[in-house]
Amino acid sequence: MDLSSLKPPAGQKHRRKRVGRGMGSGLGKTSTRGHKGARSISGYSIMRGFEGGQMPLHRRLPKRGFTNIFKKQYAIINLRDLENLDGDNFTIDSLTELGLIKKLGDGLKVLGTGEITRRIVVEAHIFSKSAAEKIAKAGGEAKVIGAEAA
């Protein structure tokens, strides 16, 4: 057995239907398109979402809600995550290297979930009120990035 003797199973391959090749072919005249109607003319292409004149699904469904195009997506880190890390000075670069930040988005936000028991210095774009209070209470510092420009 070699590659030149391989053949597909019986019935797998089909001849292409050749339409519009005269009356003797059995597929002449209207070429399987029928008489009249939109689909019978040359150049016809169906509109996306067209349902044969029935009101399309995208128009039947109600319009709901609101999407704020100015929404900011922050990378989030909690104080409990910082407590478990070694070191006391955390920047965006150091947190990215450690794998705590995957996608920065509009900036880094530190949230106050968990407790902090040691003095740490954290640089982030925004801090929640509770996170800033807990860091200050532990004797640390919460540095806001980009606050100088504002």
N, C-alpha and C. Protein backbone atom coordinates (compact mmCIF):
# COMPACT_ATOMS: atom_id res chain seq x y z
N MET A 1 0.85 -1.19 0.00
CA MET A 1 0.00 0.00 0.00
C MET A 1 0.89 1.25 0.00
N ASP A 2 0.58 2.21 -0.87
CA ASP A 2 1.31 3.47 -0.90
C ASP A 2 0.32 4.62 -1.13
N LEU A 3 0.82 5.85 -1.09
CA LEU A 3 -0.05 7.02 -1.18
C LEU A 3 -0.79 7.11 -2.50
N SER A 4 -0.20 6.58 -3.56
CA SER A 4 -0.83 6.70 -4.88
C SER A 4 -2.05 5.78 -5.02
N SER A 5 -2.17 4.79 -4.15
CA SER A 5 -3.29 3.86 -4.26
C SER A 5 -4.45 4.22 -3.33
N LEU A 6 -4.33 5.29 -2.56
CA LEU A 6 -5.41 5.68 -1.64
C LEU A 6 -6.56 6.33 -2.39
N LYS A 7 -7.79 5.97 -2.03
CA LYS A 7 -8.98 6.55 -2.64
C LYS A 7 -10.00 6.85 -1.54
N PRO A 8 -10.81 7.87 -1.74
CA PRO A 8 -11.83 8.16 -0.72
C PRO A 8 -12.89 7.07 -0.70
N PRO A 9 -13.62 6.93 0.43
CA PRO A 9 -14.68 5.92 0.51
C PRO A 9 -15.77 6.18 -0.53
N ALA A 10 -16.47 5.13 -0.91
CA ALA A 10 -17.54 5.26 -1.90
C ALA A 10 -18.63 6.18 -1.39
N GLY A 11 -19.05 7.13 -2.21
CA GLY A 11 -20.12 8.06 -1.85
C GLY A 11 -19.65 9.33 -1.16
N GLN A 12 -18.34 9.43 -0.89
CA GLN A 12 -17.87 10.64 -0.20
C GLN A 12 -17.74 11.82 -1.16
N LYS A 13 -17.26 11.57 -2.36
CA LYS A 13 -17.05 12.62 -3.35
C LYS A 13 -18.27 12.72 -4.26
N HIS A 14 -18.71 13.94 -4.55
CA HIS A 14 -19.86 14.15 -5.43
C HIS A 14 -19.46 15.10 -6.56
N ARG A 15 -20.07 14.87 -7.73
CA ARG A 15 -19.84 15.78 -8.84
C ARG A 15 -20.55 17.10 -8.55
N ARG A 16 -19.92 18.21 -8.97
CA ARG A 16 -20.53 19.52 -8.80
C ARG A 16 -21.71 19.66 -9.77
N LYS A 17 -22.82 20.22 -9.28
CA LYS A 17 -23.99 20.41 -10.13
C LYS A 17 -23.72 21.57 -11.08
N ARG A 18 -23.69 21.30 -12.40
CA ARG A 18 -23.43 22.34 -13.39
C ARG A 18 -24.77 22.77 -13.97
N VAL A 19 -25.19 23.98 -13.61
CA VAL A 19 -26.50 24.47 -14.05
C VAL A 19 -26.33 25.45 -15.20
N GLY A 20 -27.41 25.65 -15.95
CA GLY A 20 -27.39 26.63 -17.05
C GLY A 20 -26.59 26.16 -18.24
N ARG A 21 -26.60 24.85 -18.53
CA ARG A 21 -25.82 24.33 -19.65
C ARG A 21 -26.75 23.73 -20.72
N GLY A 22 -27.89 24.35 -20.89
CA GLY A 22 -28.81 23.94 -21.95
C GLY A 22 -29.90 23.00 -21.48
N MET A 23 -30.92 22.89 -22.34
CA MET A 23 -32.10 22.10 -21.98
C MET A 23 -31.77 20.61 -21.87
N GLY A 24 -30.83 20.15 -22.66
CA GLY A 24 -30.50 18.72 -22.66
C GLY A 24 -29.86 18.26 -21.35
N SER A 25 -29.31 19.18 -20.57
CA SER A 25 -28.66 18.80 -19.33
C SER A 25 -29.65 18.48 -18.22
N GLY A 26 -30.90 18.92 -18.40
CA GLY A 26 -31.90 18.74 -17.36
C GLY A 26 -31.85 19.84 -16.31
N LEU A 27 -30.85 20.70 -16.41
CA LEU A 27 -30.71 21.83 -15.47
C LEU A 27 -30.55 23.12 -16.26
N GLY A 28 -31.30 23.25 -17.35
CA GLY A 28 -31.25 24.45 -18.18
C GLY A 28 -32.37 25.41 -17.82
N LYS A 29 -32.71 26.28 -18.74
CA LYS A 29 -33.77 27.28 -18.62
C LYS A 29 -33.66 28.07 -17.32
N THR A 30 -34.36 27.72 -16.25
CA THR A 30 -34.32 28.52 -15.02
C THR A 30 -33.16 28.14 -14.11
N SER A 31 -32.46 27.08 -14.45
CA SER A 31 -31.27 26.65 -13.70
C SER A 31 -31.53 26.50 -12.21
N THR A 32 -32.56 25.80 -11.84
CA THR A 32 -32.98 25.46 -10.47
C THR A 32 -33.45 26.66 -9.65
N ARG A 33 -33.61 27.84 -10.31
CA ARG A 33 -34.01 29.04 -9.56
C ARG A 33 -35.52 29.27 -9.56
N GLY A 34 -36.27 28.53 -10.34
CA GLY A 34 -37.72 28.72 -10.38
C GLY A 34 -38.08 29.92 -11.24
N HIS A 35 -39.37 30.27 -11.25
CA HIS A 35 -39.86 31.38 -12.07
C HIS A 35 -40.08 32.61 -11.22
N LYS A 36 -39.62 33.74 -11.68
CA LYS A 36 -39.81 35.06 -11.04
C LYS A 36 -39.34 35.08 -9.58
N GLY A 37 -39.59 36.15 -8.90
CA GLY A 37 -39.22 36.27 -7.49
C GLY A 37 -37.80 36.80 -7.33
N ALA A 38 -37.52 37.34 -6.15
CA ALA A 38 -36.24 37.99 -5.88
C ALA A 38 -35.06 37.05 -6.06
N ARG A 39 -35.22 35.82 -5.63
CA ARG A 39 -34.09 34.89 -5.66
C ARG A 39 -33.75 34.41 -7.07
N SER A 40 -34.63 34.64 -8.04
CA SER A 40 -34.39 34.13 -9.38
C SER A 40 -33.49 35.04 -10.21
N ILE A 41 -33.38 36.31 -9.85
CA ILE A 41 -32.62 37.24 -10.70
C ILE A 41 -31.13 37.14 -10.44
N SER A 42 -30.36 37.55 -11.43
CA SER A 42 -28.90 37.52 -11.26
C SER A 42 -28.50 38.66 -10.33
N GLY A 43 -27.45 38.45 -9.58
CA GLY A 43 -26.97 39.48 -8.66
C GLY A 43 -27.69 39.49 -7.34
N TYR A 44 -28.61 38.57 -7.12
CA TYR A 44 -29.37 38.55 -5.87
C TYR A 44 -28.47 38.10 -4.72
N SER A 45 -28.51 38.84 -3.62
CA SER A 45 -27.86 38.38 -2.39
C SER A 45 -28.76 38.77 -1.23
N ILE A 46 -28.93 37.87 -0.30
CA ILE A 46 -29.86 38.08 0.81
C ILE A 46 -29.25 39.03 1.83
N MET A 47 -30.08 39.89 2.38
CA MET A 47 -29.63 40.83 3.40
C MET A 47 -29.38 40.07 4.71
N ARG A 48 -28.34 40.47 5.41
CA ARG A 48 -28.06 39.82 6.70
C ARG A 48 -29.24 39.99 7.63
N GLY A 49 -29.67 38.91 8.27
CA GLY A 49 -30.77 38.98 9.21
C GLY A 49 -32.14 38.95 8.56
N PHE A 50 -32.20 38.82 7.22
CA PHE A 50 -33.50 38.80 6.53
C PHE A 50 -34.22 37.51 6.82
N GLU A 51 -35.50 37.61 7.19
CA GLU A 51 -36.29 36.43 7.58
C GLU A 51 -37.52 36.28 6.71
N GLY A 52 -37.37 36.54 5.41
CA GLY A 52 -38.47 36.34 4.48
C GLY A 52 -39.60 37.33 4.65
N GLY A 53 -39.32 38.51 5.12
CA GLY A 53 -40.35 39.53 5.30
C GLY A 53 -40.86 39.60 6.73
N GLN A 54 -40.65 38.54 7.50
CA GLN A 54 -40.99 38.59 8.93
C GLN A 54 -40.09 39.61 9.60
N MET A 55 -40.59 40.26 10.64
CA MET A 55 -39.79 41.25 11.35
C MET A 55 -38.54 40.56 11.92
N PRO A 56 -37.35 41.01 11.55
CA PRO A 56 -36.13 40.33 11.97
C PRO A 56 -35.95 40.33 13.48
N LEU A 57 -35.23 39.34 13.97
CA LEU A 57 -35.03 39.17 15.41
C LEU A 57 -34.41 40.42 16.04
N HIS A 58 -33.44 41.03 15.38
CA HIS A 58 -32.77 42.19 15.96
C HIS A 58 -33.69 43.39 16.07
N ARG A 59 -34.82 43.37 15.34
CA ARG A 59 -35.80 44.46 15.48
C ARG A 59 -36.95 44.06 16.41
N ARG A 60 -37.14 42.76 16.64
CA ARG A 60 -38.20 42.31 17.55
C ARG A 60 -37.80 42.45 19.01
N LEU A 61 -36.51 42.33 19.28
CA LEU A 61 -36.05 42.39 20.67
C LEU A 61 -36.09 43.83 21.18
N PRO A 62 -36.45 44.02 22.44
CA PRO A 62 -36.53 45.37 22.97
C PRO A 62 -35.15 45.98 23.19
N LYS A 63 -35.09 47.29 23.04
CA LYS A 63 -33.85 48.02 23.33
C LYS A 63 -33.80 48.22 24.83
N ARG A 64 -32.70 47.81 25.46
CA ARG A 64 -32.62 47.91 26.91
C ARG A 64 -31.27 48.43 27.32
N GLY A 65 -31.25 49.17 28.41
CA GLY A 65 -30.00 49.52 29.05
C GLY A 65 -29.25 50.66 28.40
N PHE A 66 -28.05 50.85 28.89
CA PHE A 66 -27.21 51.96 28.48
C PHE A 66 -25.77 51.52 28.62
N THR A 67 -24.93 51.84 27.63
CA THR A 67 -23.51 51.54 27.69
C THR A 67 -22.74 52.84 27.77
N ASN A 68 -22.05 53.04 28.86
CA ASN A 68 -21.27 54.25 29.04
C ASN A 68 -19.96 54.11 28.27
N ILE A 69 -19.79 54.95 27.23
CA ILE A 69 -18.58 54.83 26.40
C ILE A 69 -17.36 55.44 27.09
N PHE A 70 -17.57 56.15 28.18
CA PHE A 70 -16.46 56.77 28.91
C PHE A 70 -16.06 55.97 30.14
N LYS A 71 -16.61 54.75 30.30
CA LYS A 71 -16.33 53.93 31.47
C LYS A 71 -14.84 53.58 31.53
N LYS A 72 -14.29 53.58 32.73
CA LYS A 72 -12.89 53.24 32.91
C LYS A 72 -12.79 51.83 33.49
N GLN A 73 -11.89 51.03 32.94
CA GLN A 73 -11.66 49.67 33.40
C GLN A 73 -10.30 49.62 34.10
N TYR A 74 -10.32 49.46 35.40
CA TYR A 74 -9.08 49.43 36.17
C TYR A 74 -8.64 48.00 36.47
N ALA A 75 -7.33 47.81 36.52
CA ALA A 75 -6.80 46.56 37.06
C ALA A 75 -6.93 46.67 38.57
N ILE A 76 -7.43 45.63 39.22
CA ILE A 76 -7.76 45.71 40.65
C ILE A 76 -6.83 44.81 41.45
N ILE A 77 -6.40 45.33 42.60
CA ILE A 77 -5.62 44.54 43.55
C ILE A 77 -6.13 44.86 44.95
N ASN A 78 -6.20 43.84 45.80
CA ASN A 78 -6.68 44.02 47.17
C ASN A 78 -5.52 44.05 48.16
N LEU A 79 -5.77 44.61 49.33
CA LEU A 79 -4.73 44.69 50.36
C LEU A 79 -4.29 43.30 50.82
N ARG A 80 -5.22 42.34 50.83
CA ARG A 80 -4.85 40.98 51.26
C ARG A 80 -3.81 40.37 50.32
N ASP A 81 -3.87 40.75 49.01
CA ASP A 81 -2.87 40.27 48.05
C ASP A 81 -1.50 40.88 48.35
N LEU A 82 -1.48 42.16 48.72
CA LEU A 82 -0.22 42.84 49.03
C LEU A 82 0.37 42.32 50.33
N GLU A 83 -0.48 41.94 51.28
CA GLU A 83 -0.03 41.42 52.57
C GLU A 83 0.73 40.10 52.38
N ASN A 84 0.30 39.31 51.41
CA ASN A 84 0.91 38.00 51.17
C ASN A 84 2.23 38.08 50.40
N LEU A 85 2.53 39.24 49.83
CA LEU A 85 3.75 39.39 49.03
C LEU A 85 4.94 39.80 49.89
N ASP A 86 6.14 39.41 49.44
CA ASP A 86 7.36 39.86 50.10
C ASP A 86 7.69 41.27 49.62
N GLY A 87 8.40 42.02 50.45
CA GLY A 87 8.78 43.38 50.08
C GLY A 87 7.83 44.39 50.67
N ASP A 88 8.23 45.66 50.56
CA ASP A 88 7.39 46.71 51.15
C ASP A 88 7.18 47.88 50.19
N ASN A 89 7.71 47.80 48.97
CA ASN A 89 7.54 48.87 48.00
C ASN A 89 6.96 48.26 46.73
N PHE A 90 5.71 48.63 46.40
CA PHE A 90 5.01 48.03 45.27
C PHE A 90 4.69 49.07 44.22
N THR A 91 5.19 48.83 42.99
CA THR A 91 4.86 49.67 41.85
C THR A 91 4.11 48.83 40.83
N ILE A 92 3.63 49.46 39.78
CA ILE A 92 2.90 48.73 38.74
C ILE A 92 3.83 47.71 38.08
N ASP A 93 5.07 48.13 37.83
CA ASP A 93 6.03 47.22 37.18
C ASP A 93 6.32 45.99 38.04
N SER A 94 6.52 46.22 39.36
CA SER A 94 6.83 45.09 40.24
C SER A 94 5.65 44.14 40.37
N LEU A 95 4.43 44.68 40.40
CA LEU A 95 3.23 43.84 40.50
C LEU A 95 2.98 43.07 39.20
N THR A 96 3.33 43.67 38.06
CA THR A 96 3.19 42.98 36.78
C THR A 96 4.17 41.81 36.70
N GLU A 97 5.41 42.04 37.17
CA GLU A 97 6.42 40.98 37.17
C GLU A 97 6.01 39.82 38.07
N LEU A 98 5.37 40.14 39.20
CA LEU A 98 4.92 39.11 40.13
C LEU A 98 3.68 38.37 39.61
N GLY A 99 3.02 38.91 38.57
CA GLY A 99 1.87 38.25 37.96
C GLY A 99 0.53 38.62 38.58
N LEU A 100 0.51 39.64 39.43
CA LEU A 100 -0.76 40.06 40.03
C LEU A 100 -1.58 40.93 39.08
N ILE A 101 -0.91 41.62 38.16
CA ILE A 101 -1.60 42.42 37.16
C ILE A 101 -1.39 41.78 35.81
N LYS A 102 -2.49 41.42 35.16
CA LYS A 102 -2.40 40.84 33.82
C LYS A 102 -2.60 41.92 32.76
N LYS A 103 -3.67 42.72 32.89
CA LYS A 103 -4.01 43.74 31.91
C LYS A 103 -4.27 45.04 32.67
N LEU A 104 -3.48 46.06 32.41
CA LEU A 104 -3.55 47.29 33.19
C LEU A 104 -4.81 48.10 32.89
N GLY A 105 -5.21 48.19 31.64
CA GLY A 105 -6.40 48.96 31.27
C GLY A 105 -6.17 50.44 31.49
N ASP A 106 -7.08 51.10 32.22
CA ASP A 106 -6.98 52.54 32.47
C ASP A 106 -6.13 52.86 33.69
N GLY A 107 -5.64 51.87 34.38
CA GLY A 107 -4.79 52.11 35.53
C GLY A 107 -4.97 51.04 36.60
N LEU A 108 -4.30 51.25 37.71
CA LEU A 108 -4.35 50.30 38.83
C LEU A 108 -5.17 50.90 39.96
N LYS A 109 -6.09 50.11 40.50
CA LYS A 109 -6.90 50.55 41.63
C LYS A 109 -6.65 49.59 42.79
N VAL A 110 -6.39 50.14 43.97
CA VAL A 110 -6.16 49.34 45.16
C VAL A 110 -7.42 49.39 46.01
N LEU A 111 -7.95 48.20 46.33
CA LEU A 111 -9.16 48.10 47.14
C LEU A 111 -8.80 47.64 48.55
N GLY A 112 -9.68 47.91 49.50
CA GLY A 112 -9.37 47.68 50.90
C GLY A 112 -9.81 46.35 51.46
N THR A 113 -10.01 45.33 50.63
CA THR A 113 -10.40 44.02 51.14
C THR A 113 -9.19 43.37 51.80
N GLY A 114 -9.36 42.94 53.04
CA GLY A 114 -8.26 42.33 53.79
C GLY A 114 -7.61 43.34 54.73
N GLU A 115 -6.66 42.86 55.49
CA GLU A 115 -5.94 43.72 56.45
C GLU A 115 -4.47 43.80 56.07
N ILE A 116 -3.83 44.89 56.47
CA ILE A 116 -2.40 45.06 56.24
C ILE A 116 -1.75 45.27 57.61
N THR A 117 -0.72 44.48 57.90
CA THR A 117 -0.13 44.51 59.25
C THR A 117 1.26 45.12 59.28
N ARG A 118 1.77 45.51 58.11
CA ARG A 118 3.13 46.07 58.06
C ARG A 118 3.14 47.34 57.23
N ARG A 119 4.26 48.06 57.33
CA ARG A 119 4.39 49.32 56.60
C ARG A 119 4.74 49.00 55.15
N ILE A 120 3.89 49.50 54.21
CA ILE A 120 4.17 49.31 52.79
C ILE A 120 3.99 50.63 52.05
N VAL A 121 4.66 50.73 50.91
CA VAL A 121 4.50 51.89 50.02
C VAL A 121 3.93 51.36 48.72
N VAL A 122 2.76 51.89 48.31
CA VAL A 122 2.08 51.41 47.12
C VAL A 122 1.87 52.57 46.16
N GLU A 123 2.23 52.35 44.89
CA GLU A 123 1.97 53.34 43.84
C GLU A 123 0.85 52.81 42.96
N ALA A 124 -0.23 53.60 42.84
CA ALA A 124 -1.36 53.21 42.01
C ALA A 124 -2.05 54.46 41.49
N HIS A 125 -2.94 54.29 40.52
CA HIS A 125 -3.65 55.42 39.94
C HIS A 125 -4.79 55.89 40.83
N ILE A 126 -5.38 54.94 41.57
CA ILE A 126 -6.51 55.31 42.43
C ILE A 126 -6.59 54.33 43.60
N PHE A 127 -7.00 54.83 44.77
CA PHE A 127 -7.15 54.01 45.97
C PHE A 127 -8.58 54.17 46.47
N SER A 128 -9.14 53.08 46.97
CA SER A 128 -10.44 53.21 47.63
C SER A 128 -10.18 53.88 48.98
N LYS A 129 -11.22 54.46 49.53
CA LYS A 129 -11.09 55.19 50.80
C LYS A 129 -10.58 54.27 51.91
N SER A 130 -11.16 53.05 51.98
CA SER A 130 -10.76 52.12 53.04
C SER A 130 -9.33 51.64 52.85
N ALA A 131 -8.89 51.46 51.59
CA ALA A 131 -7.52 51.01 51.34
C ALA A 131 -6.52 52.07 51.78
N ALA A 132 -6.79 53.33 51.45
CA ALA A 132 -5.89 54.42 51.82
C ALA A 132 -5.80 54.55 53.34
N GLU A 133 -6.95 54.40 54.02
CA GLU A 133 -6.98 54.49 55.48
C GLU A 133 -6.19 53.35 56.13
N LYS A 134 -6.35 52.12 55.62
CA LYS A 134 -5.66 50.96 56.20
C LYS A 134 -4.15 51.04 55.99
N ILE A 135 -3.73 51.53 54.82
CA ILE A 135 -2.30 51.68 54.54
C ILE A 135 -1.69 52.74 55.46
N ALA A 136 -2.41 53.86 55.62
CA ALA A 136 -1.92 54.94 56.49
C ALA A 136 -1.89 54.50 57.95
N LYS A 137 -2.89 53.72 58.36
CA LYS A 137 -2.98 53.23 59.74
C LYS A 137 -1.80 52.30 60.07
N ALA A 138 -1.36 51.53 59.06
CA ALA A 138 -0.23 50.62 59.26
C ALA A 138 1.11 51.34 59.16
N GLY A 139 1.07 52.66 58.89
CA GLY A 139 2.30 53.45 58.79
C GLY A 139 2.88 53.50 57.39
N GLY A 140 2.14 53.05 56.42
CA GLY A 140 2.60 53.04 55.04
C GLY A 140 2.22 54.29 54.29
N GLU A 141 2.42 54.22 52.98
CA GLU A 141 2.14 55.38 52.14
C GLU A 141 1.43 54.93 50.88
N ALA A 142 0.37 55.66 50.50
CA ALA A 142 -0.38 55.39 49.28
C ALA A 142 -0.08 56.51 48.29
N LYS A 143 0.79 56.24 47.32
CA LYS A 143 1.18 57.26 46.33
C LYS A 143 0.26 57.16 45.11
N VAL A 144 -0.36 58.29 44.76
CA VAL A 144 -1.27 58.34 43.61
C VAL A 144 -0.46 58.73 42.37
N ILE A 145 -0.48 57.89 41.36
CA ILE A 145 0.22 58.17 40.10
C ILE A 145 -0.66 59.09 39.26
N GLY A 146 -0.06 60.06 38.64
CA GLY A 146 -0.80 60.96 37.74
C GLY A 146 -1.52 62.08 38.47
N ALA A 147 -1.38 62.18 39.78
CA ALA A 147 -2.05 63.24 40.54
C ALA A 147 -1.36 64.58 40.31
N GLU A 148 -0.06 64.56 39.92
CA GLU A 148 0.68 65.80 39.69
C GLU A 148 0.13 66.53 38.48
N ALA A 149 -0.28 65.76 37.45
CA ALA A 149 -0.75 66.36 36.21
C ALA A 149 -2.15 66.98 36.38
N ALA A 150 -2.94 66.43 37.29
CA ALA A 150 -4.31 66.90 37.46
C ALA A 150 -4.37 68.16 38.30
